[in-house]
Amino acid sequence: MRARKIFNNIILVIGILCILYYLAMGFAVRFGQSLLWLWPLMGVLFTVHWAVVNRSIKTGKPVPLPKWAITVCLILIVIALLLFAVVQGFIASAASGKPPADLDCIIVLGAKVNGTQPSGALSQRIHAAYGYLSENPDTVCIATGGQGEDEGISEAECIRRGLTALGIPDSRIILEEAATDTASNFTNSFSLLPDGASDIGVVTNDFHVLRALWTARELSDLNFYGISARSTPWGYVHYCLREFCALAVGVITGEFHF
């Protein structure tokens, strides 16, 4: 009984942490970001679980669910956790890969622009692109990303401004300003590649490298290499959850093939 109480209290703590994390990410970044609602949802589910079990412990009555339903739920949770752990291993592996030197071109994927300034994620991508371009002077860059309704300039233009401010010549940067998602980032950029380009770097945040590479390889037979931009540790938690969901949907819908 004591072990059951301790485990149930741990469930409550996890639920509270999920809700606190949602609030922290909302205020630190924005509440409208993709799939952030999963955190309060998990927080509510954990809290409800705690309340049901806590009532059972206090009254001595069994949980109002058949044993088979509880068993099925536990099996599904274990399977989901195992799949999540495996996918996170693939995400971490893709993010840690080192691109070869002297790639023909790098494609910098756009991200949110706040007015005319890059968001944290886009700033990280700009600096990762700068690091590669400064070490490989013959590599050209395609900055890709359109302009959203709440953005003062296109994501591509924001990338260009960031790179030129850091010292990359404007002549090395090609703009693609119509893309609205990762797939169109690539399809629009392919027509802008230098003649004969076959080795392409993909600059995006660490948590996104795996899905970006999968997308690129579904769309083209060119050689793609990830160039990882390190994200903040506290943001990485949510973005890895989001990537897990996006990858799962992609596999289920046939967007990605193996």
Protein backbone atom coordinates (compact mmCIF):
# COMPACT_ATOMS: atom_id res chain seq x y z
CA MET A 1 0.00 0.00 0.00
CA ARG A 2 2.80 2.42 0.89
CA ALA A 3 4.56 1.78 -2.44
CA ARG A 4 1.27 2.40 -4.24
CA LYS A 5 0.85 5.75 -2.47
CA ILE A 6 4.41 6.80 -3.31
CA PHE A 7 4.00 5.85 -6.99
CA ASN A 8 0.67 7.67 -7.16
CA ASN A 9 2.18 10.80 -5.65
CA ILE A 10 4.96 10.65 -8.27
CA ILE A 11 2.21 10.61 -10.92
CA LEU A 12 0.75 13.77 -9.38
CA VAL A 13 4.14 15.50 -9.40
CA ILE A 14 4.62 14.59 -13.07
CA GLY A 15 1.20 16.02 -13.87
CA ILE A 16 1.99 19.30 -12.10
CA LEU A 17 5.37 19.52 -13.88
CA CYS A 18 3.67 19.05 -17.25
CA ILE A 19 1.36 21.98 -16.59
CA LEU A 20 4.20 24.15 -15.26
CA TYR A 21 6.30 23.31 -18.33
CA TYR A 22 3.41 24.33 -20.59
CA LEU A 23 3.16 27.69 -18.84
CA ALA A 24 6.94 28.23 -18.93
CA MET A 25 7.16 27.45 -22.67
CA GLY A 26 4.14 29.61 -23.39
CA PHE A 27 5.54 32.67 -21.66
CA ALA A 28 9.13 32.10 -22.80
CA VAL A 29 8.30 31.36 -26.46
CA ARG A 30 4.59 31.56 -27.28
CA PHE A 31 1.42 29.70 -26.38
CA GLY A 32 0.42 29.13 -29.99
CA GLN A 33 3.38 26.95 -30.92
CA SER A 34 2.68 23.59 -32.49
CA LEU A 35 1.42 20.82 -30.17
CA LEU A 36 2.20 22.73 -26.99
CA TRP A 37 -1.32 21.79 -25.85
CA LEU A 38 -0.09 18.22 -25.34
CA TRP A 39 1.56 19.26 -22.07
CA PRO A 40 -1.57 20.49 -20.23
CA LEU A 41 -3.44 17.51 -21.67
CA MET A 42 -0.89 15.13 -20.16
CA GLY A 43 -0.96 17.16 -16.96
CA VAL A 44 -4.74 16.73 -16.67
CA LEU A 45 -4.55 12.99 -17.46
CA PHE A 46 -1.87 12.41 -14.83
CA THR A 47 -3.82 14.44 -12.27
CA VAL A 48 -7.06 12.56 -12.98
CA HIS A 49 -5.16 9.28 -12.66
CA TRP A 50 -3.84 10.41 -9.28
CA ALA A 51 -7.32 11.44 -8.09
CA VAL A 52 -8.93 8.12 -9.11
CA VAL A 53 -6.20 6.00 -7.51
CA ASN A 54 -6.05 8.22 -4.43
CA ARG A 55 -9.79 7.74 -3.90
CA SER A 56 -9.34 3.98 -4.28
CA ILE A 57 -6.56 3.99 -1.68
CA LYS A 58 -8.59 6.01 0.83
CA THR A 59 -11.88 4.12 0.43
CA GLY A 60 -10.44 0.67 -0.14
CA LYS A 61 -12.61 0.29 -3.22
CA PRO A 62 -11.07 -0.91 -6.50
CA VAL A 63 -10.41 1.47 -9.38
CA PRO A 64 -13.67 1.73 -11.40
CA LEU A 65 -12.18 0.05 -14.49
CA PRO A 66 -12.07 -3.62 -15.48
CA LYS A 67 -8.70 -5.26 -15.04
CA TRP A 68 -8.38 -6.01 -18.75
CA ALA A 69 -8.79 -2.31 -19.59
CA ILE A 70 -6.08 -1.36 -17.09
CA THR A 71 -3.78 -4.03 -18.54
CA VAL A 72 -4.35 -2.83 -22.11
CA CYS A 73 -3.65 0.78 -21.08
CA LEU A 74 -0.42 -0.20 -19.34
CA ILE A 75 0.75 -2.21 -22.36
CA LEU A 76 0.01 0.70 -24.71
CA ILE A 77 1.86 3.12 -22.43
CA VAL A 78 4.92 0.85 -22.29
CA ILE A 79 4.93 0.42 -26.08
CA ALA A 80 4.59 4.19 -26.59
CA LEU A 81 7.46 4.89 -24.17
CA LEU A 82 9.71 2.35 -25.89
CA LEU A 83 8.95 3.79 -29.33
CA PHE A 84 9.55 7.30 -28.00
CA ALA A 85 12.94 6.27 -26.61
CA VAL A 86 13.96 4.62 -29.90
CA VAL A 87 12.92 7.66 -31.96
CA GLN A 88 14.78 10.00 -29.60
CA GLY A 89 17.88 7.92 -30.21
CA PHE A 90 17.51 8.42 -33.95
CA ILE A 91 16.90 12.16 -33.46
CA ALA A 92 20.01 12.51 -31.27
CA SER A 93 22.10 10.48 -33.72
CA ALA A 94 21.03 12.65 -36.69
CA ALA A 95 21.73 15.82 -34.73
CA SER A 96 25.23 14.69 -33.77
CA GLY A 97 26.31 13.85 -37.33
CA LYS A 98 29.13 15.93 -38.82
CA PRO A 99 28.75 17.16 -42.41
CA PRO A 100 31.70 16.82 -44.82
CA ALA A 101 33.68 19.88 -45.82
CA ASP A 102 33.17 21.79 -49.07
CA LEU A 103 29.54 20.91 -49.72
CA ASP A 104 28.23 22.36 -52.97
CA CYS A 105 25.42 24.18 -51.21
CA ILE A 106 23.65 24.46 -47.87
CA ILE A 107 19.93 25.05 -47.48
CA VAL A 108 18.97 27.01 -44.37
CA LEU A 109 15.40 26.16 -43.38
CA GLY A 110 13.29 29.08 -42.25
CA ALA A 111 11.64 29.48 -38.86
CA LYS A 112 9.52 32.07 -37.07
CA VAL A 113 10.41 35.75 -37.51
CA ASN A 114 9.32 38.18 -34.80
CA GLY A 115 8.72 41.40 -36.67
CA THR A 116 12.01 41.70 -38.50
CA GLN A 117 14.09 39.82 -35.95
CA PRO A 118 14.78 36.07 -35.93
CA SER A 119 13.15 33.90 -33.30
CA GLY A 120 15.44 31.89 -31.06
CA ALA A 121 15.23 28.86 -33.36
CA LEU A 122 15.99 30.90 -36.49
CA SER A 123 18.86 32.71 -34.80
CA GLN A 124 20.39 29.35 -33.90
CA ARG A 125 20.10 28.22 -37.53
CA ILE A 126 21.70 31.43 -38.80
CA HIS A 127 24.70 30.97 -36.52
CA ALA A 128 25.06 27.30 -37.49
CA ALA A 129 24.99 28.29 -41.17
CA TYR A 130 27.55 31.02 -40.53
CA GLY A 131 29.86 28.54 -38.83
CA TYR A 132 29.81 26.23 -41.84
CA LEU A 133 30.02 28.96 -44.48
CA SER A 134 32.93 30.69 -42.77
CA GLU A 135 34.91 27.43 -42.72
CA ASN A 136 34.00 26.50 -46.31
CA PRO A 137 34.31 29.60 -48.50
CA ASP A 138 33.35 27.85 -51.75
CA THR A 139 29.96 26.69 -50.44
CA VAL A 140 26.92 28.74 -51.43
CA CYS A 141 23.80 29.14 -49.34
CA ILE A 142 20.09 29.05 -50.10
CA ALA A 143 18.06 30.89 -47.47
CA THR A 144 14.51 29.58 -47.63
CA GLY A 145 11.21 30.58 -46.07
CA GLY A 146 8.26 32.78 -46.94
CA GLN A 147 6.61 35.57 -44.98
CA GLY A 148 3.76 34.80 -42.62
CA GLU A 149 0.93 37.19 -41.85
CA ASP A 150 2.48 38.09 -38.51
CA GLU A 151 6.05 38.44 -39.83
CA GLY A 152 7.56 41.75 -40.91
CA ILE A 153 9.89 40.20 -43.49
CA SER A 154 10.30 36.79 -45.09
CA GLU A 155 12.20 34.13 -43.19
CA ALA A 156 14.66 33.92 -46.10
CA GLU A 157 15.35 37.66 -45.92
CA CYS A 158 15.83 37.42 -42.17
CA ILE A 159 18.40 34.66 -42.71
CA ARG A 160 20.16 36.75 -45.36
CA ARG A 161 20.34 39.79 -43.05
CA GLY A 162 21.67 37.66 -40.21
CA LEU A 163 24.39 36.06 -42.34
CA THR A 164 25.53 39.29 -43.95
CA ALA A 165 25.65 40.97 -40.53
CA LEU A 166 28.04 38.22 -39.46
CA GLY A 167 30.26 38.80 -42.49
CA ILE A 168 29.04 36.36 -45.17
CA PRO A 169 29.06 38.10 -48.59
CA ASP A 170 25.63 38.67 -50.06
CA SER A 171 26.86 37.13 -53.32
CA ARG A 172 27.00 33.71 -51.63
CA ILE A 173 23.34 33.80 -50.57
CA ILE A 174 20.38 32.83 -52.76
CA LEU A 175 16.88 33.71 -51.56
CA GLU A 176 13.81 31.48 -51.74
CA GLU A 177 10.88 33.44 -50.29
CA ALA A 178 7.77 31.40 -51.12
CA ALA A 179 8.06 28.24 -48.97
CA THR A 180 5.49 27.62 -46.26
CA ASP A 181 6.69 24.30 -44.81
CA THR A 182 9.66 21.93 -44.80
CA ALA A 183 8.63 20.14 -48.00
CA SER A 184 8.24 23.37 -49.98
CA ASN A 185 11.51 24.64 -48.46
CA PHE A 186 13.18 21.83 -50.37
CA THR A 187 11.14 21.67 -53.56
CA ASN A 188 11.46 25.42 -54.11
CA SER A 189 15.17 25.39 -53.29
CA PHE A 190 16.04 22.54 -55.66
CA SER A 191 15.39 24.76 -58.68
CA LEU A 192 17.84 27.32 -57.30
CA LEU A 193 20.77 24.95 -56.74
CA PRO A 194 24.01 25.78 -58.57
CA ASP A 195 24.60 23.76 -61.73
CA GLY A 196 25.99 20.34 -60.94
CA ALA A 197 25.35 20.61 -57.19
CA SER A 198 24.87 17.16 -55.66
CA ASP A 199 26.14 17.38 -52.06
CA ILE A 200 23.74 19.48 -50.03
CA GLY A 201 23.80 20.50 -46.38
CA VAL A 202 20.54 21.03 -44.50
CA VAL A 203 20.73 23.59 -41.69
CA THR A 204 18.07 23.26 -39.03
CA ASN A 205 17.74 22.80 -35.28
CA ASP A 206 19.07 19.62 -33.67
CA PHE A 207 15.63 18.19 -32.91
CA HIS A 208 14.52 18.75 -36.54
CA VAL A 209 17.52 17.34 -38.43
CA LEU A 210 16.15 13.80 -38.70
CA ARG A 211 12.75 14.78 -40.11
CA ALA A 212 14.30 17.37 -42.44
CA LEU A 213 16.69 14.77 -43.87
CA TRP A 214 13.90 12.22 -44.27
CA THR A 215 11.82 14.83 -46.11
CA ALA A 216 14.68 15.87 -48.39
CA ARG A 217 15.51 12.27 -49.29
CA GLU A 218 11.88 11.53 -50.11
CA LEU A 219 11.90 14.43 -52.57
CA SER A 220 15.30 14.03 -54.25
CA ASP A 221 18.13 11.60 -54.91
CA LEU A 222 20.78 14.22 -54.10
CA ASN A 223 23.17 13.63 -51.19
CA PHE A 224 21.94 15.39 -48.04
CA TYR A 225 23.83 16.02 -44.80
CA GLY A 226 22.51 17.54 -41.60
CA ILE A 227 24.06 20.68 -40.13
CA SER A 228 22.73 20.91 -36.61
CA ALA A 229 21.90 24.14 -34.80
CA ARG A 230 21.88 23.56 -31.07
CA SER A 231 18.61 24.45 -29.36
CA THR A 232 18.05 25.37 -25.72
CA PRO A 233 17.85 22.37 -23.34
CA TRP A 234 14.49 23.43 -21.92
CA GLY A 235 12.99 23.89 -25.40
CA TYR A 236 14.47 20.64 -26.69
CA VAL A 237 12.10 18.64 -24.47
CA HIS A 238 8.96 19.93 -26.16
CA TYR A 239 10.40 19.95 -29.65
CA CYS A 240 11.46 16.31 -29.38
CA LEU A 241 7.93 15.39 -28.33
CA ARG A 242 6.60 17.36 -31.30
CA GLU A 243 9.05 15.66 -33.68
CA PHE A 244 8.04 12.23 -32.38
CA CYS A 245 4.42 13.00 -33.22
CA ALA A 246 5.30 14.43 -36.65
CA LEU A 247 7.49 11.45 -37.54
CA ALA A 248 4.82 9.00 -36.38
CA VAL A 249 2.16 10.73 -38.48
CA GLY A 250 4.54 10.77 -41.47
CA VAL A 251 5.17 7.05 -41.21
CA ILE A 252 1.48 6.20 -40.73
CA THR A 253 0.33 8.36 -43.67
CA GLY A 254 3.07 7.10 -45.98
CA GLU A 255 4.91 10.43 -46.17
CA PHE A 256 8.11 8.62 -45.21
CA HIS A 257 9.21 5.30 -46.68
CA PHE A 258 11.97 2.89 -45.62
